Structures are given as structure tokens and as C-alpha cells.
N, C-alpha and C. Protein backbone atom coordinates (compact mmCIF):
# COMPACT_ATOMS: atom_id res chain seq x y z
N MET A 1 51.59 -18.69 -65.11
CA MET A 1 52.90 -18.96 -64.58
C MET A 1 53.46 -17.65 -64.05
N LEU A 2 53.81 -17.65 -62.77
CA LEU A 2 54.25 -16.42 -62.15
C LEU A 2 55.75 -16.22 -62.24
N GLY A 3 56.53 -17.18 -61.78
CA GLY A 3 57.97 -16.96 -61.79
C GLY A 3 58.75 -18.22 -62.09
N GLY A 4 58.08 -19.22 -62.58
CA GLY A 4 58.73 -20.50 -62.82
C GLY A 4 59.34 -20.60 -64.20
N VAL A 5 59.70 -21.81 -64.53
CA VAL A 5 60.29 -22.10 -65.83
C VAL A 5 59.18 -22.58 -66.75
N PRO A 6 59.16 -22.13 -68.01
CA PRO A 6 58.10 -22.59 -68.92
C PRO A 6 58.14 -24.12 -69.06
N GLY A 7 56.97 -24.73 -68.97
CA GLY A 7 56.89 -26.17 -69.13
C GLY A 7 57.04 -26.94 -67.83
N ARG A 8 57.34 -26.25 -66.73
CA ARG A 8 57.45 -26.92 -65.43
C ARG A 8 56.25 -26.55 -64.57
N PRO A 9 55.79 -27.50 -63.76
CA PRO A 9 54.67 -27.18 -62.88
C PRO A 9 55.10 -26.23 -61.77
N GLU A 10 54.14 -25.51 -61.21
CA GLU A 10 54.42 -24.55 -60.15
C GLU A 10 54.46 -25.26 -58.80
N SER A 11 55.48 -26.02 -58.52
CA SER A 11 55.59 -26.69 -57.23
C SER A 11 56.90 -26.26 -56.58
N GLY A 12 56.83 -25.28 -55.75
CA GLY A 12 58.03 -24.82 -55.08
C GLY A 12 58.33 -23.38 -55.42
N PRO A 13 59.48 -22.93 -54.93
CA PRO A 13 59.83 -21.52 -55.16
C PRO A 13 60.14 -21.27 -56.62
N PRO A 14 60.01 -20.04 -57.05
CA PRO A 14 60.30 -19.72 -58.45
C PRO A 14 61.77 -19.95 -58.76
N TYR A 15 62.04 -20.30 -59.98
CA TYR A 15 63.39 -20.60 -60.40
C TYR A 15 64.08 -19.30 -60.81
N HIS A 16 65.25 -19.07 -60.25
CA HIS A 16 66.06 -17.92 -60.63
C HIS A 16 67.44 -18.43 -60.99
N ALA A 17 67.90 -18.04 -62.13
CA ALA A 17 69.25 -18.44 -62.54
C ALA A 17 70.26 -17.73 -61.65
N PRO A 18 71.28 -18.46 -61.17
CA PRO A 18 72.27 -17.81 -60.31
C PRO A 18 73.05 -16.76 -61.09
N GLU A 19 73.12 -15.58 -60.52
CA GLU A 19 73.86 -14.50 -61.16
C GLU A 19 75.22 -14.37 -60.49
N PRO A 20 76.26 -14.19 -61.26
CA PRO A 20 77.56 -14.01 -60.63
C PRO A 20 77.61 -12.71 -59.85
N ASN A 21 78.41 -12.69 -58.83
CA ASN A 21 78.53 -11.53 -57.97
C ASN A 21 79.53 -10.56 -58.60
N LEU A 22 79.07 -9.75 -59.52
CA LEU A 22 79.95 -8.85 -60.25
C LEU A 22 79.73 -7.41 -59.80
N PRO A 23 80.73 -6.83 -59.16
CA PRO A 23 80.59 -5.42 -58.81
C PRO A 23 80.77 -4.54 -60.05
N ASN A 24 80.20 -3.35 -60.01
CA ASN A 24 80.33 -2.46 -61.15
C ASN A 24 81.09 -1.19 -60.78
N ILE A 25 81.80 -1.23 -59.64
CA ILE A 25 82.62 -0.10 -59.21
C ILE A 25 84.06 -0.59 -59.16
N LYS A 26 84.98 0.22 -59.67
CA LYS A 26 86.38 -0.21 -59.75
C LYS A 26 86.94 -0.58 -58.39
N ALA A 27 86.63 0.21 -57.37
CA ALA A 27 87.14 -0.07 -56.03
C ALA A 27 86.57 -1.39 -55.51
N ALA A 28 85.31 -1.68 -55.82
CA ALA A 28 84.69 -2.92 -55.37
C ALA A 28 85.34 -4.13 -56.03
N ILE A 29 85.75 -3.96 -57.28
CA ILE A 29 86.44 -5.05 -57.99
C ILE A 29 87.76 -5.34 -57.27
N LYS A 30 88.47 -4.29 -56.88
CA LYS A 30 89.73 -4.46 -56.16
C LYS A 30 89.48 -5.10 -54.79
N TRP A 31 88.43 -4.68 -54.09
CA TRP A 31 88.11 -5.26 -52.79
C TRP A 31 87.84 -6.75 -52.93
N GLN A 32 87.17 -7.13 -54.00
CA GLN A 32 86.87 -8.54 -54.22
C GLN A 32 88.15 -9.34 -54.47
N ARG A 33 89.07 -8.78 -55.26
CA ARG A 33 90.36 -9.44 -55.49
C ARG A 33 91.11 -9.61 -54.18
N GLN A 34 91.13 -8.56 -53.36
CA GLN A 34 91.83 -8.63 -52.07
C GLN A 34 91.20 -9.67 -51.17
N THR A 35 89.89 -9.72 -51.15
CA THR A 35 89.19 -10.70 -50.32
C THR A 35 89.51 -12.12 -50.77
N ASP A 36 89.56 -12.34 -52.07
CA ASP A 36 89.88 -13.66 -52.60
C ASP A 36 91.30 -14.08 -52.19
N ARG A 37 92.24 -13.13 -52.28
CA ARG A 37 93.62 -13.43 -51.88
C ARG A 37 93.71 -13.75 -50.40
N ARG A 38 93.06 -12.93 -49.57
CA ARG A 38 93.09 -13.16 -48.12
C ARG A 38 92.45 -14.49 -47.76
N THR A 39 91.32 -14.80 -48.40
CA THR A 39 90.61 -16.05 -48.13
C THR A 39 91.50 -17.24 -48.44
N LEU A 40 92.17 -17.20 -49.57
CA LEU A 40 93.06 -18.30 -49.96
C LEU A 40 94.22 -18.43 -48.98
N ARG A 41 94.82 -17.29 -48.61
CA ARG A 41 95.95 -17.32 -47.68
C ARG A 41 95.52 -17.86 -46.32
N ASN A 42 94.36 -17.41 -45.83
CA ASN A 42 93.87 -17.88 -44.53
C ASN A 42 93.53 -19.35 -44.57
N LEU A 43 92.97 -19.81 -45.67
CA LEU A 43 92.63 -21.23 -45.80
C LEU A 43 93.89 -22.08 -45.79
N ASN A 44 94.93 -21.62 -46.49
CA ASN A 44 96.20 -22.35 -46.49
C ASN A 44 96.78 -22.43 -45.09
N LEU A 45 96.72 -21.33 -44.36
CA LEU A 45 97.26 -21.31 -43.01
C LEU A 45 96.47 -22.22 -42.08
N LYS A 46 95.15 -22.21 -42.21
CA LYS A 46 94.32 -23.07 -41.37
C LYS A 46 94.62 -24.54 -41.64
N THR A 47 94.80 -24.87 -42.90
CA THR A 47 95.12 -26.26 -43.27
C THR A 47 96.48 -26.66 -42.69
N ARG A 48 97.45 -25.73 -42.76
CA ARG A 48 98.78 -26.01 -42.22
C ARG A 48 98.73 -26.19 -40.71
N LEU A 49 97.89 -25.40 -40.03
CA LEU A 49 97.75 -25.53 -38.59
C LEU A 49 97.17 -26.89 -38.22
N LYS A 50 96.20 -27.36 -38.99
CA LYS A 50 95.62 -28.68 -38.72
C LYS A 50 96.67 -29.77 -38.86
N THR A 51 97.50 -29.67 -39.91
CA THR A 51 98.54 -30.67 -40.13
C THR A 51 99.57 -30.62 -39.01
N LEU A 52 99.99 -29.42 -38.63
CA LEU A 52 100.97 -29.29 -37.55
C LEU A 52 100.42 -29.85 -36.24
N PHE A 53 99.13 -29.61 -35.99
CA PHE A 53 98.50 -30.12 -34.77
C PHE A 53 98.54 -31.64 -34.73
N LYS A 54 98.22 -32.27 -35.85
CA LYS A 54 98.22 -33.73 -35.90
C LYS A 54 99.63 -34.29 -35.70
N LYS A 55 100.64 -33.63 -36.32
CA LYS A 55 102.01 -34.09 -36.17
C LYS A 55 102.51 -33.90 -34.75
N ALA A 56 102.12 -32.79 -34.11
CA ALA A 56 102.57 -32.50 -32.76
C ALA A 56 101.96 -33.47 -31.76
N LYS A 57 100.77 -33.96 -32.04
CA LYS A 57 100.16 -34.95 -31.14
C LYS A 57 100.96 -36.25 -31.14
N ALA A 58 101.61 -36.53 -32.26
CA ALA A 58 102.39 -37.76 -32.36
C ALA A 58 103.81 -37.58 -31.83
N THR A 59 104.39 -36.41 -32.03
CA THR A 59 105.77 -36.17 -31.58
C THR A 59 105.81 -34.95 -30.66
N PRO A 60 106.19 -35.12 -29.42
CA PRO A 60 106.18 -34.01 -28.46
C PRO A 60 107.20 -32.91 -28.75
N GLU A 61 108.21 -33.19 -29.56
CA GLU A 61 109.27 -32.19 -29.80
C GLU A 61 108.73 -30.96 -30.52
N ALA A 62 107.71 -31.12 -31.35
CA ALA A 62 107.20 -30.01 -32.15
C ALA A 62 106.10 -29.22 -31.45
N ALA A 63 105.79 -29.56 -30.22
CA ALA A 63 104.63 -28.97 -29.55
C ALA A 63 104.77 -27.47 -29.32
N SER A 64 105.94 -27.01 -28.88
CA SER A 64 106.07 -25.59 -28.55
C SER A 64 105.95 -24.71 -29.80
N SER A 65 106.49 -25.18 -30.92
CA SER A 65 106.38 -24.37 -32.14
C SER A 65 104.93 -24.34 -32.64
N VAL A 66 104.20 -25.42 -32.44
CA VAL A 66 102.80 -25.45 -32.86
C VAL A 66 101.98 -24.48 -32.02
N GLU A 67 102.25 -24.46 -30.72
CA GLU A 67 101.53 -23.53 -29.85
C GLU A 67 101.80 -22.08 -30.27
N ALA A 68 103.03 -21.79 -30.64
CA ALA A 68 103.38 -20.45 -31.10
C ALA A 68 102.64 -20.11 -32.40
N GLN A 69 102.50 -21.09 -33.28
CA GLN A 69 101.79 -20.85 -34.54
C GLN A 69 100.31 -20.56 -34.29
N PHE A 70 99.71 -21.28 -33.32
CA PHE A 70 98.31 -21.02 -32.99
C PHE A 70 98.15 -19.62 -32.40
N ASP A 71 99.09 -19.23 -31.52
CA ASP A 71 99.03 -17.88 -30.95
C ASP A 71 99.15 -16.81 -32.04
N LYS A 72 100.05 -17.03 -32.98
CA LYS A 72 100.27 -16.07 -34.05
C LYS A 72 99.02 -15.94 -34.93
N ALA A 73 98.39 -17.07 -35.24
CA ALA A 73 97.18 -17.05 -36.06
C ALA A 73 96.05 -16.33 -35.32
N ALA A 74 95.98 -16.51 -34.00
CA ALA A 74 94.95 -15.83 -33.21
C ALA A 74 95.22 -14.33 -33.16
N ARG A 75 96.48 -13.93 -33.04
CA ARG A 75 96.82 -12.51 -33.02
C ARG A 75 96.45 -11.82 -34.33
N LYS A 76 96.65 -12.53 -35.44
CA LYS A 76 96.36 -11.94 -36.75
C LYS A 76 94.89 -12.01 -37.11
N GLY A 77 94.09 -12.69 -36.30
CA GLY A 77 92.65 -12.75 -36.56
C GLY A 77 92.25 -13.85 -37.52
N ILE A 78 93.13 -14.77 -37.80
CA ILE A 78 92.80 -15.85 -38.73
C ILE A 78 91.92 -16.89 -38.04
N ILE A 79 92.22 -17.16 -36.77
CA ILE A 79 91.34 -18.02 -35.97
C ILE A 79 90.98 -17.26 -34.70
N HIS A 80 89.93 -17.68 -34.06
CA HIS A 80 89.48 -17.03 -32.83
C HIS A 80 90.46 -17.35 -31.69
N PRO A 81 90.73 -16.41 -30.80
CA PRO A 81 91.65 -16.69 -29.69
C PRO A 81 91.22 -17.86 -28.81
N ASN A 82 89.91 -18.02 -28.63
CA ASN A 82 89.44 -19.16 -27.83
C ASN A 82 89.73 -20.48 -28.53
N LYS A 83 89.67 -20.49 -29.85
CA LYS A 83 89.99 -21.71 -30.60
C LYS A 83 91.46 -22.05 -30.42
N ALA A 84 92.32 -21.03 -30.45
CA ALA A 84 93.75 -21.27 -30.24
C ALA A 84 93.99 -21.84 -28.86
N ALA A 85 93.34 -21.28 -27.85
CA ALA A 85 93.50 -21.78 -26.48
C ALA A 85 92.99 -23.21 -26.36
N ARG A 86 91.86 -23.49 -27.00
CA ARG A 86 91.29 -24.85 -26.94
C ARG A 86 92.21 -25.86 -27.59
N LYS A 87 92.78 -25.50 -28.75
CA LYS A 87 93.69 -26.42 -29.45
C LYS A 87 94.95 -26.66 -28.63
N LYS A 88 95.48 -25.59 -28.00
CA LYS A 88 96.69 -25.74 -27.18
C LYS A 88 96.41 -26.63 -25.97
N ALA A 89 95.23 -26.48 -25.37
CA ALA A 89 94.88 -27.32 -24.22
C ALA A 89 94.73 -28.78 -24.64
N ARG A 90 94.12 -29.00 -25.78
CA ARG A 90 93.95 -30.38 -26.25
C ARG A 90 95.30 -31.00 -26.61
N LEU A 91 96.19 -30.19 -27.16
CA LEU A 91 97.52 -30.69 -27.48
C LEU A 91 98.27 -31.05 -26.21
N ALA A 92 98.19 -30.19 -25.19
CA ALA A 92 98.87 -30.47 -23.91
C ALA A 92 98.32 -31.75 -23.28
N ARG A 93 97.00 -31.92 -23.36
CA ARG A 93 96.40 -33.13 -22.78
C ARG A 93 96.84 -34.38 -23.55
N ALA A 94 96.90 -34.28 -24.87
CA ALA A 94 97.34 -35.42 -25.68
C ALA A 94 98.80 -35.77 -25.38
N LEU A 95 99.62 -34.75 -25.18
CA LEU A 95 101.03 -35.00 -24.87
C LEU A 95 101.19 -35.60 -23.48
N ARG A 96 100.35 -35.18 -22.53
CA ARG A 96 100.40 -35.78 -21.18
C ARG A 96 100.05 -37.26 -21.24
N THR A 97 99.00 -37.60 -21.98
CA THR A 97 98.61 -39.02 -22.07
C THR A 97 99.67 -39.82 -22.82
N LEU A 98 100.29 -39.17 -23.81
CA LEU A 98 101.36 -39.84 -24.55
C LEU A 98 102.57 -40.10 -23.65
N ALA A 99 102.90 -39.12 -22.80
CA ALA A 99 104.03 -39.27 -21.88
C ALA A 99 103.73 -40.31 -20.82
N ALA A 100 102.48 -40.40 -20.38
CA ALA A 100 102.12 -41.39 -19.36
C ALA A 100 102.17 -42.81 -19.93
N ALA A 101 101.84 -42.96 -21.19
CA ALA A 101 101.85 -44.28 -21.82
C ALA A 101 103.22 -44.64 -22.37
N ALA A 102 104.11 -43.67 -22.47
CA ALA A 102 105.41 -43.90 -23.10
C ALA A 102 106.29 -44.90 -22.35
N PRO A 103 106.41 -44.87 -21.00
CA PRO A 103 107.31 -45.82 -20.34
C PRO A 103 106.92 -47.28 -20.60
N ALA A 104 105.65 -47.57 -20.68
CA ALA A 104 105.23 -48.94 -20.93
C ALA A 104 105.53 -49.35 -22.37
N VAL A 105 105.44 -48.45 -23.27
CA VAL A 105 105.64 -48.75 -24.68
C VAL A 105 107.12 -48.81 -25.03
N THR A 106 107.93 -47.95 -24.44
CA THR A 106 109.32 -47.86 -24.85
C THR A 106 110.25 -48.82 -24.11
N ALA A 107 109.71 -49.75 -23.36
CA ALA A 107 110.56 -50.74 -22.71
C ALA A 107 111.17 -51.62 -23.79
N THR A 108 112.50 -51.62 -23.87
CA THR A 108 113.17 -52.39 -24.91
C THR A 108 113.89 -53.57 -24.30
N VAL A 109 114.02 -54.59 -25.08
CA VAL A 109 114.71 -55.79 -24.65
C VAL A 109 116.11 -55.76 -25.24
N VAL A 110 117.12 -55.92 -24.37
CA VAL A 110 118.49 -55.92 -24.84
C VAL A 110 118.91 -57.36 -25.06
N LYS A 111 119.34 -57.63 -26.28
CA LYS A 111 119.77 -58.98 -26.62
C LYS A 111 121.27 -59.07 -26.47
N LYS A 112 121.71 -60.19 -25.90
CA LYS A 112 123.15 -60.41 -25.75
C LYS A 112 123.67 -61.01 -27.03
N ARG A 113 124.82 -60.55 -27.42
CA ARG A 113 125.42 -61.09 -28.62
C ARG A 113 126.26 -62.30 -28.23
N GLY A 114 126.03 -63.32 -28.94
CA GLY A 114 126.81 -64.53 -28.68
C GLY A 114 128.06 -64.56 -29.55
N THR A 115 128.95 -65.44 -29.23
CA THR A 115 130.17 -65.57 -30.03
C THR A 115 129.85 -66.43 -31.24
N LYS A 116 130.52 -66.14 -32.30
CA LYS A 116 130.30 -66.90 -33.54
C LYS A 116 131.01 -68.25 -33.43
N LYS A 117 130.39 -69.24 -33.98
CA LYS A 117 131.02 -70.57 -34.03
C LYS A 117 131.98 -70.60 -35.18
N LYS A 118 133.10 -71.28 -34.95
CA LYS A 118 134.10 -71.38 -36.01
C LYS A 118 134.03 -72.70 -36.71
């Protein structure tokens, strides 16, 4: 048996128990903490951007603020600038199709009120 587990046949790569990624330098421990914080913050922002994008597709009033949020995230390096541009273009296209379909959908029927019988 070369690198496997005792009692198991040698079919496949050797088994290695996963070792935690533990740095042994104080500065590296701090870098890891900082990376974890940044990763969590960026993930929260990305999730919020996705939610804002979906809401903006439904309501045109929020579109300009969503575009600004995408630009800000691209400036800070959280998302790629091309991704921000692509999302803004898709949002604009969705709003155009929504505006084109809106007159047919928003046609309302006005009911006349009758007089009450006494």
C-alpha cells in the first residue's frame, strides 16, 4: 500500500485528509482575517446588487439608482467594469420593453357611478 487507507483497495488517487489552511505567521493570520471580512462584505454587496437589479426591472423609478450602484461597485473593484456595463444595458433594454408594453397593459376602464335607488 503506497498512499491509500488501510483496508481499502488501491483504486484511484491516494487518500489525503484535508488539512485546514492555517498560517503560522502572525501577519498571515491577520491577512486571512482581512480577506474573510472583505469576502463577506463583497458577497453581501453582490447579493444586494442582484436584488436591486430584479426590483429595477419591475419598477422603472429605481433604475437610475441601480445604475449608480453598479458603477460604484465597478469602481471599487467588487465587480468587473464590463459586468456593470452589461447589467446596465440589460436593465435599459428591459425598461424599454416594459415601457413599450405599458400602454396596452395600463388601459383602464372608467365606470360610471349610478344613482342609488331609494
